[in-house]
Amino acid sequence: QVQLVESGGGLVQAGGSLRLSCAASGRTSTNTMAWAWFRQAPGKEREFIAHIRTNGHTFYGDSVKGRFTISRDNAKITSYLQMNSLKPEDTAVYYCAAAAYVISSQIYRSESYTYWGQGTQVTVSS
């Protein structure tokens, strides 16, 4: 079993930055997983934010393109989400997710991921 633990959330003013981390533990093959980040605001559906393949290729949701950057450290079995130019509408609980492999057409669907973190709150004040 794989466990994902997120950290780095908090309160920030609009225009500021935060970096979220998601560390994996458990099975030793986790350094070859595909990673993703999602978020969910109160009363809204879970929204795809970003995905990174084992080869480093990245994909982003339209609402965060150019502001957020996903990365991975295979040695540390950790994924990061660097969030810049934050807006109040970015306020949500952010979740990391992972899977052995996700085909390109399915990376936007939460059902495609096997492992999930507990979520970390990000609040952006205006």
C-alpha atoms as a PDB file:
ATOM      1  CA  GLN A   1       0.000   0.000   0.000  1.00  0.00           C
ATOM      2  CA  VAL A   2       1.136   3.543  -0.762  1.00  0.00           C
ATOM      3  CA  GLN A   3       0.535   6.481   1.558  1.00  0.00           C
ATOM      4  CA  LEU A   4       0.629  10.090   0.374  1.00  0.00           C
ATOM      5  CA  VAL A   5       1.169  12.937   2.821  1.00  0.00           C
ATOM      6  CA  GLU A   6       0.736  16.544   1.746  1.00  0.00           C
ATOM      7  CA  SER A   7       2.180  19.644   3.345  1.00  0.00           C
ATOM      8  CA  GLY A   8       2.672  23.324   2.608  1.00  0.00           C
ATOM      9  CA  GLY A   9      -0.836  24.700   2.618  1.00  0.00           C
ATOM     10  CA  GLY A  10      -1.827  27.844   4.468  1.00  0.00           C
ATOM     11  CA  LEU A  11      -3.070  31.413   4.216  1.00  0.00           C
ATOM     12  CA  VAL A  12      -1.560  33.783   1.663  1.00  0.00           C
ATOM     13  CA  GLN A  13      -2.494  37.148   0.191  1.00  0.00           C
ATOM     14  CA  ALA A  14      -3.556  37.484  -3.417  1.00  0.00           C
ATOM     15  CA  GLY A  15      -0.513  37.669  -5.666  1.00  0.00           C
ATOM     16  CA  GLY A  16       1.557  35.557  -3.309  1.00  0.00           C
ATOM     17  CA  SER A  17       3.058  32.101  -3.671  1.00  0.00           C
ATOM     18  CA  LEU A  18       2.946  28.739  -1.932  1.00  0.00           C
ATOM     19  CA  ARG A  19       4.630  25.419  -2.584  1.00  0.00           C
ATOM     20  CA  LEU A  20       2.816  22.205  -1.762  1.00  0.00           C
ATOM     21  CA  SER A  21       4.630  18.931  -1.236  1.00  0.00           C
ATOM     22  CA  CYS A  22       3.355  15.369  -1.406  1.00  0.00           C
ATOM     23  CA  ALA A  23       5.582  12.620  -0.065  1.00  0.00           C
ATOM     24  CA  ALA A  24       4.934   8.955  -0.766  1.00  0.00           C
ATOM     25  CA  SER A  25       5.801   5.980   1.376  1.00  0.00           C
ATOM     26  CA  GLY A  26       5.091   2.280   1.177  1.00  0.00           C
ATOM     27  CA  ARG A  27       5.878   0.236  -1.918  1.00  0.00           C
ATOM     28  CA  THR A  28       9.411   0.803  -3.232  1.00  0.00           C
ATOM     29  CA  SER A  29       8.192   1.218  -6.836  1.00  0.00           C
ATOM     30  CA  THR A  30       6.505   4.508  -6.014  1.00  0.00           C
ATOM     31  CA  ASN A  31       9.289   6.534  -7.652  1.00  0.00           C
ATOM     32  CA  THR A  32       7.925   5.503 -11.059  1.00  0.00           C
ATOM     33  CA  MET A  33       4.372   6.641 -10.450  1.00  0.00           C
ATOM     34  CA  ALA A  34       2.484   9.295 -12.326  1.00  0.00           C
ATOM     35  CA  TRP A  35       1.500  12.189 -10.055  1.00  0.00           C
ATOM     36  CA  ALA A  36      -1.344  14.687 -10.132  1.00  0.00           C
ATOM     37  CA  TRP A  37      -2.878  17.491  -8.117  1.00  0.00           C
ATOM     38  CA  PHE A  38      -6.563  18.277  -7.765  1.00  0.00           C
ATOM     39  CA  ARG A  39      -8.467  20.811  -5.693  1.00  0.00           C
ATOM     40  CA  GLN A  40     -11.961  21.110  -4.318  1.00  0.00           C
ATOM     41  CA  ALA A  41     -13.641  24.281  -3.143  1.00  0.00           C
ATOM     42  CA  PRO A  42     -16.765  24.219  -0.932  1.00  0.00           C
ATOM     43  CA  GLY A  43     -19.846  23.327  -2.933  1.00  0.00           C
ATOM     44  CA  LYS A  44     -17.844  22.574  -6.092  1.00  0.00           C
ATOM     45  CA  GLU A  45     -16.662  19.447  -7.838  1.00  0.00           C
ATOM     46  CA  ARG A  46     -13.082  18.253  -7.584  1.00  0.00           C
ATOM     47  CA  GLU A  47     -11.027  20.064 -10.225  1.00  0.00           C
ATOM     48  CA  PHE A  48      -7.949  18.794 -12.091  1.00  0.00           C
ATOM     49  CA  ILE A  49      -4.904  21.025 -11.604  1.00  0.00           C
ATOM     50  CA  ALA A  50      -1.809  19.290 -12.959  1.00  0.00           C
ATOM     51  CA  HIS A  51      -0.259  15.957 -13.932  1.00  0.00           C
ATOM     52  CA  ILE A  52       3.326  14.830 -14.388  1.00  0.00           C
ATOM     53  CA  ARG A  53       4.440  11.644 -16.067  1.00  0.00           C
ATOM     54  CA  THR A  54       7.415   9.497 -15.129  1.00  0.00           C
ATOM     55  CA  ASN A  55       9.276  11.041 -18.106  1.00  0.00           C
ATOM     56  CA  GLY A  56       8.623  14.527 -16.762  1.00  0.00           C
ATOM     57  CA  HIS A  57       5.969  15.601 -19.267  1.00  0.00           C
ATOM     58  CA  THR A  58       3.433  17.899 -17.626  1.00  0.00           C
ATOM     59  CA  PHE A  59      -0.192  18.830 -18.199  1.00  0.00           C
ATOM     60  CA  TYR A  60      -2.212  21.625 -16.590  1.00  0.00           C
ATOM     61  CA  GLY A  61      -5.793  22.685 -16.134  1.00  0.00           C
ATOM     62  CA  ASP A  62      -6.740  25.881 -17.938  1.00  0.00           C
ATOM     63  CA  SER A  63      -7.374  27.809 -14.722  1.00  0.00           C
ATOM     64  CA  VAL A  64      -3.765  27.450 -13.527  1.00  0.00           C
ATOM     65  CA  LYS A  65      -1.689  27.412 -16.727  1.00  0.00           C
ATOM     66  CA  GLY A  66       1.222  29.813 -16.514  1.00  0.00           C
ATOM     67  CA  ARG A  67       0.854  30.210 -12.725  1.00  0.00           C
ATOM     68  CA  PHE A  68       1.304  26.717 -11.268  1.00  0.00           C
ATOM     69  CA  THR A  69       4.152  24.276 -11.855  1.00  0.00           C
ATOM     70  CA  ILE A  70       4.148  20.583 -11.006  1.00  0.00           C
ATOM     71  CA  SER A  71       7.423  18.758 -10.460  1.00  0.00           C
ATOM     72  CA  ARG A  72       8.734  15.526  -9.028  1.00  0.00           C
ATOM     73  CA  ASP A  73      11.772  14.263  -7.182  1.00  0.00           C
ATOM     74  CA  ASN A  74      12.091  10.551  -7.828  1.00  0.00           C
ATOM     75  CA  ALA A  75      14.843  10.103  -5.249  1.00  0.00           C
ATOM     76  CA  LYS A  76      12.634  11.569  -2.539  1.00  0.00           C
ATOM     77  CA  ILE A  77       9.444  10.037  -4.000  1.00  0.00           C
ATOM     78  CA  THR A  78       7.816  13.434  -3.728  1.00  0.00           C
ATOM     79  CA  SER A  79       5.719  15.659  -5.941  1.00  0.00           C
ATOM     80  CA  TYR A  80       5.593  19.434  -5.663  1.00  0.00           C
ATOM     81  CA  LEU A  81       3.101  22.066  -6.749  1.00  0.00           C
ATOM     82  CA  GLN A  82       4.551  25.558  -6.983  1.00  0.00           C
ATOM     83  CA  MET A  83       1.719  28.081  -7.002  1.00  0.00           C
ATOM     84  CA  ASN A  84       2.442  31.669  -8.040  1.00  0.00           C
ATOM     85  CA  SER A  85       0.229  34.717  -8.620  1.00  0.00           C
ATOM     86  CA  LEU A  86      -2.414  33.225  -6.368  1.00  0.00           C
ATOM     87  CA  LYS A  87      -5.976  34.494  -6.606  1.00  0.00           C
ATOM     88  CA  PRO A  88      -8.870  34.291  -4.118  1.00  0.00           C
ATOM     89  CA  GLU A  89     -10.562  31.812  -6.484  1.00  0.00           C
ATOM     90  CA  ASP A  90      -7.644  29.427  -5.895  1.00  0.00           C
ATOM     91  CA  THR A  91      -8.927  28.899  -2.347  1.00  0.00           C
ATOM     92  CA  ALA A  92      -9.663  25.188  -1.915  1.00  0.00           C
ATOM     93  CA  VAL A  93      -8.492  21.957  -0.370  1.00  0.00           C
ATOM     94  CA  TYR A  94      -5.661  20.642  -2.521  1.00  0.00           C
ATOM     95  CA  TYR A  95      -5.132  16.919  -2.976  1.00  0.00           C
ATOM     96  CA  CYS A  96      -2.243  15.012  -4.467  1.00  0.00           C
ATOM     97  CA  ALA A  97      -2.855  11.751  -6.251  1.00  0.00           C
ATOM     98  CA  ALA A  98      -0.772   9.020  -7.836  1.00  0.00           C
ATOM     99  CA  ALA A  99      -1.104   5.961 -10.018  1.00  0.00           C
ATOM    100  CA  ALA A 100       1.179   3.484 -11.729  1.00  0.00           C
ATOM    101  CA  TYR A 101       0.091   4.812 -15.128  1.00  0.00           C
ATOM    102  CA  VAL A 102      -2.678   7.015 -16.513  1.00  0.00           C
ATOM    103  CA  ILE A 103      -3.427   7.274 -20.237  1.00  0.00           C
ATOM    104  CA  SER A 104      -3.404  10.792 -21.605  1.00  0.00           C
ATOM    105  CA  SER A 105      -7.131  11.061 -22.217  1.00  0.00           C
ATOM    106  CA  GLN A 106      -7.880  10.136 -18.587  1.00  0.00           C
ATOM    107  CA  ILE A 107      -5.430  12.291 -16.610  1.00  0.00           C
ATOM    108  CA  TYR A 108      -8.179  14.834 -15.873  1.00  0.00           C
ATOM    109  CA  ARG A 109     -10.422  12.321 -14.089  1.00  0.00           C
ATOM    110  CA  SER A 110     -10.008  11.710 -10.360  1.00  0.00           C
ATOM    111  CA  GLU A 111     -11.160   8.109 -10.902  1.00  0.00           C
ATOM    112  CA  SER A 112      -7.912   7.432 -12.812  1.00  0.00           C
ATOM    113  CA  TYR A 113      -5.775   7.662  -9.668  1.00  0.00           C
ATOM    114  CA  THR A 114      -5.226   4.916  -7.135  1.00  0.00           C
ATOM    115  CA  TYR A 115      -3.639   6.752  -4.234  1.00  0.00           C
ATOM    116  CA  TRP A 116      -4.709  10.011  -2.584  1.00  0.00           C
ATOM    117  CA  GLY A 117      -3.390  12.320   0.072  1.00  0.00           C
ATOM    118  CA  GLN A 118      -5.504  13.662   2.917  1.00  0.00           C
ATOM    119  CA  GLY A 119      -5.705  17.169   1.462  1.00  0.00           C
ATOM    120  CA  THR A 120      -4.242  20.483   2.545  1.00  0.00           C
ATOM    121  CA  GLN A 121      -6.123  23.776   2.809  1.00  0.00           C
ATOM    122  CA  VAL A 122      -5.014  26.747   0.740  1.00  0.00           C
ATOM    123  CA  THR A 123      -6.705  30.071   1.458  1.00  0.00           C
ATOM    124  CA  VAL A 124      -5.999  33.165  -0.620  1.00  0.00           C
ATOM    125  CA  SER A 125      -7.179  36.466   0.834  1.00  0.00           C
ATOM    126  CA  SER A 126      -8.047  39.470  -1.306  1.00  0.00           C
END
